Amino acid sequence: MTSIAQLTEDSINLLRQLIAIPSFSRDEEGVASLIGQYLTNRGVKINRVGNNVIAYNQYFDKDKSTLLLNSHHDTVKPNPGYTKNPFEASIETGKLYGLGSNDAGGCLVSLIATFLYYYSQSDLKYNICLIASAEEEVSGKNGIEEAYKHVSPCAFAIVGEPTLLDLAVAEKGLMVLDCVAHGESGHAAREEGVNAIYNALEDIHWFKNYQFEKTSSYLGPIKMSVTMINAGSQHNVVPASCSFVVDVRTTDVYSNEEVLNIIQSQVQSTVTARSTRLNPSTIDSQHPIVLSGIKLGKETYGSPTMSDQALLTIPSLKVGPGDSARSHTADEFIYLDEIEEGVRFYIDLLRNIL
């Protein structure tokens, strides 16, 4: 069995190679091929679904439940404040710099190392499915959502995102709402028309002040923010319509559809969700994988940021090396020690349940 030290060294080398290949969302062919070849070179049979790389443990047993290990290999575009080459994986004072090093390269290579550690063991309680997914940064339909359609159903998942190795047991969802308040056009100089802006203001006031009945113990209340507004054609015409956009961060105590139905029943404006697919997620605090993490001394919390959890329909735990505060920043980095800790942590996390 490969040692932790060797797995860590291999993981760092893989991450440096991944950083060197641009992998913006929807353009991840190069890194997907690299990951596929890395696994193939170690005797692992892989499957490609678009730019998603899928693999199973050697002794897959259809009579056992399956655990999903997932993290993403796409990145955002470099922050304009970069002073270093974002595609040069330089190491300085114990830090590995480069675009995607923290989000989520450190998590991805640590999960791959963990998959390889358990790959050839024949007496596991669960099968293990690995998905290195694409399009996470844009919540694309050809990422984990598509890849998961092509794998054996999984009982639960570990989603690798930088959490300082604490346990994100709940995660907020997202809906973007396009709202239109209606009125009647008229001349501003006369008592004509019904001003759609005034009607919109009533609904905007509702969005600002409404409190949903249920509050999440991990994520708090649902947050709604009006972020854009547009109305009118010229100064002397009472507008017949006023459009505005609302950003809604949902929590695990409601589905997105439930939240949308409540909103539509309460406001006068026409409300249309651009999508309801980015749902909040949660996992039971007594789930074995959560208890395993707690046994290792980790804290549980609710995450305000989204990940591929939003597109999985199974219970999932978000956890990984690195710090979310570094994601999408200029001169992004991850500590080398964090990668070693990540490899060791994931292996121990699974050992407690396998």
Foldseek 3Di string as FASTA:
>chain_A
DDDLVVLLVVLLVLLLVLQLDAAAFPRRQVNLVSVCVVQVVVVWDWDDQDSKIKTKAPQADPVAAEEEEEEESHFHPADPPAPDDQSGQDDDPQKTWHTCAQRPSLQLSLVVSLCSVCRHDNDARHIYMYMHWGRFVPPDCSTPLVVVVVDDDHQEYEYEHADQQFKAQKEWFKWKKKWKFFKFKDFQVDPDIGASVVLVVVLQVCLVDDWDPDADPFPGTKHKDWDDKDFDDDDGMRTGMIITMMMITHTDVDQLVVVVVVSVVPGPIDMDIPDRQQTMAGDDCPPLLNVLSVVVVHHYHHYHDGGCRSNDPHRYIYGAFHHPVQGSDHRRIGGSVSSSVRNVSVNSSSVSPD
